[in-house]
Amino acid sequence: MGTQEVANRLVSLCREGQNAQAIEELYADNVVSKEMPGFPGELASGKAEVLQKNMDWFASIAEFHGSEISEPVVAGNHFTCRMSFDATFKDRGRQQMEEVCVFEVNDGKIVNEQFFYQFP
């Protein structure tokens, strides 16, 4: 799968709420995931750790009010998407957030992801 195909598949799965399937299917075993500096779970290495980080994030939500993901923009072996969500968290109440997500693809798998956002 080329970068455009990986990007399209990731967007499709995220829009369906199938984030865990996206990680299982599209991420390399040695993927690295980076959050903003100082954010809990700032760095996750390996597919299992990235999947657990994703599952922990969803488990922290009491009610999900909505989310959006843009069409991907591809340049070489990288692509980016804008994601936003509106959720009520168990420990901190309702928040709306948007982020820019940058992904690197190698041999048909996502090997790096990094998220840029301003956390409320």
Protein backbone atom coordinates (compact mmCIF):
# COMPACT_ATOMS: atom_id res chain seq x y z
CA MET A 1 0.00 0.00 0.00
CA GLY A 2 1.31 3.44 -0.89
CA THR A 3 1.15 6.52 1.30
CA GLN A 4 -2.10 7.78 -0.26
CA GLU A 5 -3.79 4.41 0.26
CA VAL A 6 -2.61 4.20 3.87
CA ALA A 7 -3.82 7.76 4.47
CA ASN A 8 -7.23 7.10 2.92
CA ARG A 9 -7.66 3.89 4.90
CA LEU A 10 -6.71 5.58 8.19
CA VAL A 11 -9.20 8.40 7.59
CA SER A 12 -11.93 5.90 6.67
CA LEU A 13 -11.38 3.76 9.77
CA CYS A 14 -11.20 6.79 12.09
CA ARG A 15 -14.45 8.14 10.67
CA GLU A 16 -16.06 4.79 11.47
CA GLY A 17 -14.69 4.89 15.04
CA GLN A 18 -12.37 1.96 14.30
CA ASN A 19 -9.19 3.48 15.70
CA ALA A 20 -7.94 0.23 17.24
CA GLN A 21 -8.42 -1.57 13.92
CA ALA A 22 -6.49 1.22 12.18
CA ILE A 23 -3.55 0.68 14.53
CA GLU A 24 -3.64 -3.11 14.12
CA GLU A 25 -3.91 -2.91 10.34
CA LEU A 26 -1.84 0.12 9.34
CA TYR A 27 0.87 0.61 11.98
CA ALA A 28 4.34 -0.93 11.90
CA ASP A 29 5.36 -3.08 14.85
CA ASN A 30 8.04 -0.51 15.75
CA VAL A 31 5.84 2.61 15.33
CA VAL A 32 6.65 5.69 17.42
CA SER A 33 3.85 8.01 18.59
CA LYS A 34 4.57 11.50 19.94
CA GLU A 35 2.22 13.78 21.85
CA MET A 36 2.96 17.39 22.78
CA PRO A 37 5.88 17.84 25.22
CA GLY A 38 4.79 17.43 28.83
CA PHE A 39 1.57 15.63 27.98
CA PRO A 40 1.07 12.27 29.77
CA GLY A 41 2.11 9.47 27.45
CA GLU A 42 4.25 11.92 25.49
CA LEU A 43 6.12 9.08 23.78
CA ALA A 44 4.85 5.60 22.97
CA SER A 45 7.02 3.05 21.17
CA GLY A 46 5.77 -0.10 19.49
CA LYS A 47 2.35 -1.06 18.21
CA ALA A 48 1.21 -2.60 21.52
CA GLU A 49 2.08 0.56 23.49
CA VAL A 50 0.41 2.84 20.91
CA LEU A 51 -2.71 0.66 20.94
CA GLN A 52 -2.81 0.74 24.76
CA LYS A 53 -2.41 4.54 24.75
CA ASN A 54 -5.37 4.79 22.36
CA MET A 55 -7.50 2.43 24.45
CA ASP A 56 -6.64 4.34 27.66
CA TRP A 57 -7.66 7.63 26.02
CA PHE A 58 -11.04 6.25 24.92
CA ALA A 59 -11.55 4.68 28.38
CA SER A 60 -11.09 8.13 29.97
CA ILE A 61 -14.16 9.45 28.13
CA ALA A 62 -17.57 9.43 29.81
CA GLU A 63 -19.47 10.67 26.74
CA PHE A 64 -18.38 11.29 23.17
CA HIS A 65 -20.25 14.14 21.48
CA GLY A 66 -18.55 14.07 18.09
CA SER A 67 -15.37 14.09 16.08
CA GLU A 68 -14.11 15.00 12.63
CA ILE A 69 -11.10 14.12 10.55
CA SER A 70 -10.15 15.96 7.38
CA GLU A 71 -9.16 14.45 4.09
CA PRO A 72 -5.44 13.61 4.14
CA VAL A 73 -2.80 15.77 2.46
CA VAL A 74 0.05 13.62 1.15
CA ALA A 75 3.63 14.67 0.41
CA GLY A 76 6.05 11.88 -0.40
CA ASN A 77 5.95 9.33 2.40
CA HIS A 78 4.21 11.70 4.84
CA PHE A 79 0.61 12.76 5.26
CA THR A 80 -1.29 15.03 7.57
CA CYS A 81 -4.87 15.36 8.76
CA ARG A 82 -6.74 17.77 10.98
CA MET A 83 -8.70 16.04 13.73
CA SER A 84 -11.15 17.51 16.21
CA PHE A 85 -13.30 16.08 18.96
CA ASP A 86 -15.88 17.07 21.54
CA ALA A 87 -15.97 14.78 24.57
CA THR A 88 -16.83 14.73 28.25
CA PHE A 89 -13.96 13.20 30.20
CA LYS A 90 -14.51 11.30 33.43
CA ASP A 91 -11.98 13.39 35.35
CA ARG A 92 -12.08 16.85 33.75
CA GLY A 93 -15.45 17.46 32.15
CA ARG A 94 -16.32 18.46 28.61
CA GLN A 95 -13.63 19.63 26.20
CA GLN A 96 -13.37 20.47 22.55
CA MET A 97 -9.98 20.10 20.93
CA GLU A 98 -8.41 20.17 17.50
CA GLU A 99 -5.04 18.92 16.38
CA VAL A 100 -2.82 18.50 13.38
CA CYS A 101 -1.61 14.93 12.95
CA VAL A 102 1.49 14.08 10.91
CA PHE A 103 2.19 10.51 9.84
CA GLU A 104 5.22 8.88 8.19
CA VAL A 105 4.77 5.76 6.06
CA ASN A 106 7.47 3.21 5.23
CA ASP A 107 6.87 -0.08 3.38
CA GLY A 108 3.10 0.45 3.51
CA LYS A 109 2.93 0.95 7.30
CA ILE A 110 2.79 3.99 9.57
CA VAL A 111 6.16 4.19 11.35
CA ASN A 112 5.78 7.58 13.06
CA GLU A 113 2.89 9.75 14.16
CA GLN A 114 3.03 13.11 15.88
CA PHE A 115 0.21 15.27 17.20
CA PHE A 116 0.26 19.06 17.49
CA TYR A 117 -2.39 20.79 19.60
CA GLN A 118 -3.00 23.32 22.31
CA PHE A 119 -4.34 21.50 25.34
CA PRO A 120 -6.93 23.44 27.35
